[in-house]
N, C-alpha and C. Protein backbone atom coordinates (compact mmCIF):
# COMPACT_ATOMS: atom_id res chain seq x y z
N UNK A 1 0.85 -1.18 0.00
CA UNK A 1 0.00 0.00 0.00
C UNK A 1 0.89 1.24 0.00
N UNK A 2 0.52 2.19 -0.80
CA UNK A 2 1.24 3.45 -0.85
C UNK A 2 0.57 4.45 0.08
N UNK A 3 1.36 5.33 0.60
CA UNK A 3 0.84 6.43 1.40
C UNK A 3 0.21 7.44 0.45
N UNK A 4 -0.92 7.99 0.84
CA UNK A 4 -1.61 8.97 0.01
C UNK A 4 -1.59 10.30 0.75
N UNK A 5 -1.09 11.36 0.08
CA UNK A 5 -1.08 12.65 0.76
C UNK A 5 -2.48 13.27 0.74
N UNK A 6 -2.65 14.34 1.47
CA UNK A 6 -3.98 14.93 1.68
C UNK A 6 -4.63 15.43 0.40
N UNK A 7 -3.86 15.88 -0.58
CA UNK A 7 -4.47 16.42 -1.80
C UNK A 7 -4.68 15.32 -2.86
N UNK A 8 -4.39 14.08 -2.52
CA UNK A 8 -4.63 12.91 -3.37
C UNK A 8 -3.83 12.90 -4.67
N UNK A 9 -2.77 13.68 -4.77
CA UNK A 9 -1.98 13.70 -5.99
C UNK A 9 -1.25 12.38 -6.22
N UNK A 10 -0.93 11.67 -5.13
CA UNK A 10 -0.18 10.43 -5.28
C UNK A 10 -1.07 9.20 -5.37
N UNK A 11 -2.37 9.37 -5.53
CA UNK A 11 -3.30 8.25 -5.61
C UNK A 11 -3.06 7.46 -6.89
N UNK A 12 -2.80 6.18 -6.76
CA UNK A 12 -2.60 5.30 -7.91
C UNK A 12 -3.98 4.87 -8.39
N UNK A 13 -4.36 5.28 -9.58
CA UNK A 13 -5.72 4.99 -10.08
C UNK A 13 -5.91 3.52 -10.42
N UNK A 14 -4.86 2.72 -10.45
CA UNK A 14 -4.99 1.29 -10.68
C UNK A 14 -5.49 0.56 -9.44
N UNK A 15 -5.31 1.17 -8.27
CA UNK A 15 -5.75 0.57 -7.01
C UNK A 15 -7.12 1.14 -6.66
N UNK A 16 -8.17 0.31 -6.82
CA UNK A 16 -9.52 0.81 -6.56
C UNK A 16 -10.42 -0.33 -6.11
N UNK A 17 -11.47 0.03 -5.46
CA UNK A 17 -12.46 -0.92 -5.01
C UNK A 17 -13.21 -1.46 -6.22
N UNK A 18 -13.25 -2.79 -6.37
CA UNK A 18 -13.91 -3.39 -7.52
C UNK A 18 -15.36 -3.76 -7.24
N UNK A 19 -15.65 -4.20 -6.01
CA UNK A 19 -17.02 -4.58 -5.68
C UNK A 19 -17.16 -4.69 -4.17
N UNK A 20 -18.37 -4.50 -3.69
CA UNK A 20 -18.71 -4.71 -2.29
C UNK A 20 -19.83 -5.73 -2.25
N UNK A 21 -19.63 -6.82 -1.51
CA UNK A 21 -20.63 -7.88 -1.40
C UNK A 21 -21.42 -7.66 -0.12
N UNK A 22 -22.75 -7.49 -0.25
CA UNK A 22 -23.59 -7.09 0.87
C UNK A 22 -24.69 -8.09 1.17
N UNK A 23 -24.50 -9.35 0.95
CA UNK A 23 -25.59 -10.32 1.05
C UNK A 23 -25.76 -10.96 2.42
N UNK A 24 -24.87 -10.70 3.35
CA UNK A 24 -24.99 -11.27 4.70
C UNK A 24 -25.84 -10.36 5.59
N UNK A 25 -26.44 -10.97 6.60
CA UNK A 25 -27.20 -10.22 7.60
C UNK A 25 -26.40 -10.02 8.88
N UNK A 26 -25.17 -10.51 8.91
CA UNK A 26 -24.28 -10.35 10.05
C UNK A 26 -22.91 -9.91 9.56
N UNK A 27 -22.00 -9.75 10.48
CA UNK A 27 -20.64 -9.34 10.14
C UNK A 27 -19.95 -10.42 9.31
N UNK A 28 -19.24 -10.00 8.27
CA UNK A 28 -18.44 -10.92 7.48
C UNK A 28 -17.19 -11.28 8.26
N UNK A 29 -16.91 -12.58 8.41
CA UNK A 29 -15.80 -13.03 9.24
C UNK A 29 -14.65 -13.63 8.46
N UNK A 30 -14.94 -14.35 7.40
CA UNK A 30 -13.87 -14.98 6.63
C UNK A 30 -14.30 -15.05 5.17
N UNK A 31 -13.30 -14.94 4.29
CA UNK A 31 -13.53 -14.93 2.85
C UNK A 31 -12.44 -15.76 2.18
N UNK A 32 -12.83 -16.58 1.20
CA UNK A 32 -11.84 -17.36 0.46
C UNK A 32 -12.20 -17.41 -1.01
N UNK A 33 -11.20 -17.17 -1.85
CA UNK A 33 -11.35 -17.35 -3.30
C UNK A 33 -11.33 -18.83 -3.61
N UNK A 34 -12.15 -19.25 -4.56
CA UNK A 34 -12.01 -20.59 -5.12
C UNK A 34 -10.70 -20.63 -5.90
N UNK A 35 -10.15 -21.81 -6.03
CA UNK A 35 -8.84 -21.96 -6.69
C UNK A 35 -8.85 -21.42 -8.12
N UNK A 36 -9.97 -21.56 -8.82
CA UNK A 36 -10.06 -21.14 -10.22
C UNK A 36 -10.63 -19.73 -10.36
N UNK A 37 -10.78 -19.00 -9.24
CA UNK A 37 -11.19 -17.59 -9.19
C UNK A 37 -12.58 -17.31 -9.74
N UNK A 38 -13.38 -18.33 -9.93
CA UNK A 38 -14.75 -18.11 -10.41
C UNK A 38 -15.68 -17.72 -9.27
N UNK A 39 -15.38 -18.22 -8.06
CA UNK A 39 -16.25 -17.99 -6.91
C UNK A 39 -15.48 -17.38 -5.75
N UNK A 40 -16.24 -16.71 -4.88
CA UNK A 40 -15.74 -16.23 -3.60
C UNK A 40 -16.72 -16.74 -2.55
N UNK A 41 -16.21 -17.38 -1.50
CA UNK A 41 -17.05 -17.85 -0.40
C UNK A 41 -16.83 -16.91 0.78
N UNK A 42 -17.93 -16.58 1.48
CA UNK A 42 -17.82 -15.72 2.66
C UNK A 42 -18.65 -16.31 3.79
N UNK A 43 -18.08 -16.31 4.99
CA UNK A 43 -18.76 -16.79 6.19
C UNK A 43 -19.07 -15.63 7.10
N UNK A 44 -20.15 -15.77 7.90
CA UNK A 44 -20.64 -14.62 8.65
C UNK A 44 -21.23 -15.01 10.00
N UNK A 45 -21.49 -13.97 10.81
CA UNK A 45 -22.20 -14.13 12.07
C UNK A 45 -23.64 -14.58 11.87
N UNK A 46 -24.16 -14.50 10.65
CA UNK A 46 -25.54 -14.93 10.38
C UNK A 46 -25.65 -16.45 10.21
N UNK A 47 -24.55 -17.17 10.45
CA UNK A 47 -24.49 -18.63 10.46
C UNK A 47 -24.56 -19.26 9.06
N UNK A 48 -24.42 -18.47 8.02
CA UNK A 48 -24.47 -19.01 6.67
C UNK A 48 -23.20 -18.67 5.91
N UNK A 49 -23.03 -19.37 4.80
CA UNK A 49 -21.94 -19.13 3.87
C UNK A 49 -22.59 -18.69 2.56
N UNK A 50 -22.11 -17.61 2.02
CA UNK A 50 -22.59 -17.13 0.72
C UNK A 50 -21.53 -17.45 -0.32
N UNK A 51 -21.97 -17.97 -1.45
CA UNK A 51 -21.09 -18.21 -2.59
C UNK A 51 -21.43 -17.16 -3.63
N UNK A 52 -20.44 -16.37 -4.02
CA UNK A 52 -20.61 -15.31 -5.01
C UNK A 52 -19.88 -15.72 -6.28
N UNK A 53 -20.49 -15.39 -7.40
CA UNK A 53 -19.89 -15.67 -8.71
C UNK A 53 -19.79 -14.36 -9.49
N UNK A 54 -18.68 -14.21 -10.18
CA UNK A 54 -18.52 -13.01 -11.02
C UNK A 54 -19.30 -13.20 -12.31
N UNK A 55 -20.15 -12.25 -12.60
CA UNK A 55 -20.98 -12.25 -13.80
C UNK A 55 -20.45 -11.20 -14.78
N UNK A 56 -20.85 -11.31 -16.05
CA UNK A 56 -20.39 -10.30 -17.03
C UNK A 56 -20.92 -8.91 -16.70
N UNK A 57 -20.21 -7.92 -17.16
CA UNK A 57 -20.64 -6.54 -17.01
C UNK A 57 -20.23 -5.93 -15.69
N UNK A 58 -20.73 -4.73 -15.46
CA UNK A 58 -20.43 -4.03 -14.22
C UNK A 58 -21.54 -4.27 -13.22
N UNK A 59 -21.25 -3.96 -11.97
CA UNK A 59 -22.21 -4.17 -10.90
C UNK A 59 -23.15 -3.00 -10.74
N UNK A 60 -23.84 -3.00 -9.62
CA UNK A 60 -24.78 -1.94 -9.31
C UNK A 60 -24.37 -1.27 -8.01
N UNK A 61 -25.00 -0.16 -7.71
CA UNK A 61 -24.79 0.51 -6.43
C UNK A 61 -25.94 0.13 -5.51
N UNK A 62 -25.69 0.16 -4.21
CA UNK A 62 -26.75 -0.10 -3.25
C UNK A 62 -27.75 1.05 -3.34
N UNK A 63 -29.03 0.72 -3.42
CA UNK A 63 -30.07 1.73 -3.60
C UNK A 63 -30.00 2.79 -2.51
N UNK A 64 -29.95 4.03 -2.93
CA UNK A 64 -29.95 5.14 -1.99
C UNK A 64 -28.62 5.45 -1.34
N UNK A 65 -27.57 4.72 -1.69
CA UNK A 65 -26.28 4.92 -1.03
C UNK A 65 -25.53 6.15 -1.56
N UNK A 66 -25.81 6.52 -2.78
CA UNK A 66 -25.07 7.62 -3.40
C UNK A 66 -23.70 7.20 -3.88
N UNK A 67 -23.35 5.93 -3.72
CA UNK A 67 -22.05 5.42 -4.16
C UNK A 67 -22.08 5.10 -5.65
N UNK A 68 -20.89 5.10 -6.25
CA UNK A 68 -20.77 4.70 -7.65
C UNK A 68 -21.05 3.21 -7.78
N UNK A 69 -21.54 2.76 -8.93
CA UNK A 69 -21.76 1.32 -9.13
C UNK A 69 -20.45 0.55 -9.03
N UNK A 70 -20.56 -0.73 -8.62
CA UNK A 70 -19.38 -1.59 -8.56
C UNK A 70 -18.77 -1.74 -9.95
N UNK A 71 -17.46 -1.83 -10.01
CA UNK A 71 -16.74 -2.04 -11.27
C UNK A 71 -17.00 -3.46 -11.76
N UNK A 72 -16.93 -4.44 -10.84
CA UNK A 72 -17.19 -5.85 -11.20
C UNK A 72 -18.57 -6.26 -10.70
N UNK A 73 -19.16 -7.22 -11.37
CA UNK A 73 -20.52 -7.67 -11.08
C UNK A 73 -20.48 -9.03 -10.38
N UNK A 74 -20.54 -9.05 -9.05
CA UNK A 74 -20.54 -10.27 -8.26
C UNK A 74 -21.93 -10.50 -7.70
N UNK A 75 -22.48 -11.69 -7.90
CA UNK A 75 -23.82 -12.02 -7.44
C UNK A 75 -23.78 -13.25 -6.54
N UNK A 76 -24.60 -13.24 -5.48
CA UNK A 76 -24.74 -14.42 -4.62
C UNK A 76 -25.50 -15.48 -5.42
N UNK A 77 -24.89 -16.65 -5.58
CA UNK A 77 -25.52 -17.71 -6.37
C UNK A 77 -25.90 -18.92 -5.51
N UNK A 78 -25.43 -18.95 -4.26
CA UNK A 78 -25.73 -20.08 -3.39
C UNK A 78 -25.59 -19.65 -1.94
N UNK A 79 -26.51 -20.11 -1.10
CA UNK A 79 -26.44 -19.88 0.33
C UNK A 79 -26.36 -21.24 1.01
N UNK A 80 -25.32 -21.46 1.79
CA UNK A 80 -25.12 -22.73 2.48
C UNK A 80 -25.53 -22.58 3.93
N UNK A 81 -26.52 -23.36 4.35
CA UNK A 81 -27.03 -23.32 5.72
C UNK A 81 -26.82 -24.67 6.38
N UNK A 82 -26.38 -24.66 7.63
CA UNK A 82 -26.16 -25.91 8.36
C UNK A 82 -25.48 -25.70 9.69
N UNK A 83 -24.73 -24.62 9.81
CA UNK A 83 -24.10 -24.31 11.09
C UNK A 83 -25.11 -23.67 12.03
N UNK A 84 -24.92 -23.86 13.33
CA UNK A 84 -25.83 -23.27 14.32
C UNK A 84 -25.12 -22.18 15.13
N UNK A 85 -23.99 -21.73 14.65
CA UNK A 85 -23.27 -20.60 15.26
C UNK A 85 -22.52 -19.89 14.14
N UNK A 86 -21.84 -18.81 14.50
CA UNK A 86 -21.12 -18.00 13.52
C UNK A 86 -20.15 -18.84 12.71
N UNK A 87 -20.11 -18.59 11.41
CA UNK A 87 -19.08 -19.17 10.55
C UNK A 87 -17.92 -18.20 10.63
N UNK A 88 -17.02 -18.50 11.54
CA UNK A 88 -16.00 -17.54 11.95
C UNK A 88 -14.59 -18.08 11.80
N UNK A 89 -14.46 -19.37 11.88
CA UNK A 89 -13.13 -19.94 12.01
C UNK A 89 -12.37 -19.93 10.69
N UNK A 90 -12.94 -20.55 9.65
CA UNK A 90 -12.22 -20.61 8.38
C UNK A 90 -13.09 -21.20 7.30
N UNK A 91 -12.68 -20.97 6.06
CA UNK A 91 -13.24 -21.59 4.86
C UNK A 91 -12.08 -22.04 4.00
N UNK A 92 -12.25 -23.16 3.27
CA UNK A 92 -11.19 -23.59 2.35
C UNK A 92 -11.80 -24.45 1.26
N UNK A 93 -11.40 -24.19 0.03
CA UNK A 93 -11.88 -24.93 -1.14
C UNK A 93 -11.00 -26.15 -1.38
N UNK A 94 -11.60 -27.22 -1.93
CA UNK A 94 -10.81 -28.37 -2.39
C UNK A 94 -10.04 -27.96 -3.64
N UNK A 95 -8.99 -28.71 -4.02
CA UNK A 95 -8.18 -28.32 -5.18
C UNK A 95 -8.97 -28.17 -6.48
N UNK A 96 -10.06 -28.91 -6.64
CA UNK A 96 -10.85 -28.80 -7.87
C UNK A 96 -12.11 -27.95 -7.70
N UNK A 97 -12.25 -27.27 -6.58
CA UNK A 97 -13.39 -26.40 -6.27
C UNK A 97 -14.72 -27.14 -6.14
N UNK A 98 -14.71 -28.45 -6.05
CA UNK A 98 -15.96 -29.21 -5.96
C UNK A 98 -16.49 -29.29 -4.53
N UNK A 99 -15.65 -29.00 -3.55
CA UNK A 99 -16.05 -29.05 -2.15
C UNK A 99 -15.50 -27.83 -1.41
N UNK A 100 -16.19 -27.50 -0.33
CA UNK A 100 -15.78 -26.38 0.51
C UNK A 100 -15.87 -26.83 1.96
N UNK A 101 -14.83 -26.57 2.73
CA UNK A 101 -14.84 -26.87 4.16
C UNK A 101 -15.09 -25.58 4.91
N UNK A 102 -15.94 -25.66 5.96
CA UNK A 102 -16.23 -24.47 6.76
C UNK A 102 -16.10 -24.82 8.24
N UNK A 103 -15.47 -23.92 8.98
CA UNK A 103 -15.33 -24.07 10.42
C UNK A 103 -16.19 -23.03 11.12
N UNK A 104 -16.85 -23.45 12.20
CA UNK A 104 -17.80 -22.58 12.88
C UNK A 104 -17.56 -22.57 14.38
N UNK A 105 -18.11 -21.57 15.05
CA UNK A 105 -18.07 -21.52 16.50
C UNK A 105 -19.00 -22.55 17.13
N UNK A 106 -19.75 -23.31 16.32
CA UNK A 106 -20.56 -24.41 16.87
C UNK A 106 -19.71 -25.67 17.08
N UNK A 107 -18.39 -25.52 16.93
CA UNK A 107 -17.41 -26.61 17.13
C UNK A 107 -17.54 -27.71 16.10
N UNK A 108 -17.97 -27.37 14.88
CA UNK A 108 -18.03 -28.36 13.81
C UNK A 108 -17.30 -27.84 12.58
N UNK A 109 -16.88 -28.79 11.77
CA UNK A 109 -16.37 -28.51 10.44
C UNK A 109 -17.31 -29.22 9.48
N UNK A 110 -17.88 -28.49 8.53
CA UNK A 110 -18.75 -29.08 7.52
C UNK A 110 -18.00 -29.14 6.20
N UNK A 111 -18.20 -30.22 5.47
CA UNK A 111 -17.67 -30.38 4.12
C UNK A 111 -18.86 -30.30 3.18
N UNK A 112 -18.87 -29.29 2.33
CA UNK A 112 -19.99 -29.00 1.45
C UNK A 112 -19.73 -29.52 0.04
N UNK A 113 -20.72 -30.18 -0.55
CA UNK A 113 -20.67 -30.57 -1.95
C UNK A 113 -21.16 -29.37 -2.76
N UNK A 114 -20.31 -28.78 -3.56
CA UNK A 114 -20.67 -27.56 -4.26
C UNK A 114 -21.57 -27.80 -5.46
N UNK A 115 -21.73 -29.04 -5.88
CA UNK A 115 -22.69 -29.34 -6.94
C UNK A 115 -24.12 -29.30 -6.41
N UNK A 116 -24.30 -29.74 -5.16
CA UNK A 116 -25.64 -29.80 -4.58
C UNK A 116 -25.91 -28.69 -3.57
N UNK A 117 -24.87 -28.10 -3.01
CA UNK A 117 -25.04 -27.07 -1.99
C UNK A 117 -25.38 -27.64 -0.62
N UNK A 118 -25.18 -28.93 -0.43
CA UNK A 118 -25.48 -29.58 0.85
C UNK A 118 -24.19 -30.05 1.51
N UNK A 119 -24.20 -30.07 2.84
CA UNK A 119 -23.03 -30.60 3.52
C UNK A 119 -23.17 -32.10 3.59
N UNK A 120 -22.08 -32.76 3.31
CA UNK A 120 -22.07 -34.21 3.20
C UNK A 120 -21.39 -34.85 4.38
N UNK A 121 -20.63 -34.07 5.11
CA UNK A 121 -19.86 -34.63 6.22
C UNK A 121 -19.63 -33.53 7.22
N UNK A 122 -19.68 -33.86 8.47
CA UNK A 122 -19.32 -32.91 9.52
C UNK A 122 -18.60 -33.64 10.63
N UNK A 123 -17.82 -32.88 11.34
CA UNK A 123 -17.06 -33.46 12.44
C UNK A 123 -17.04 -32.47 13.58
N UNK A 124 -17.24 -32.99 14.78
CA UNK A 124 -17.10 -32.15 15.98
C UNK A 124 -15.64 -31.77 16.11
N UNK A 125 -15.41 -30.53 16.37
CA UNK A 125 -14.02 -30.05 16.50
C UNK A 125 -13.49 -30.40 17.88
């Protein structure tokens, strides 16, 4: 990160916010890119995992925010439900992006099948 002076003359225009993902109802706690960069998984205090996919074109602005539209268009395409506490600990994709592991404050690790969106295995931590 570069230091930016008060008059913004040193601002590097290549460094900019591309998108803001706002689909959780709680604080976002952990985020992981899929290995092939098609998806982003995010875990939250709302006990769910959101899977976002980059779509063609530019994004939108939150209604009434006065902010500029997102440069990239990321949409929530799947919501994974199964934890009974915050998804706070970690997320990790399998090497082929077919499965996702999630750790929660409910002391479990769930292994999700990304083709079906269901967890297939869990283990008490």
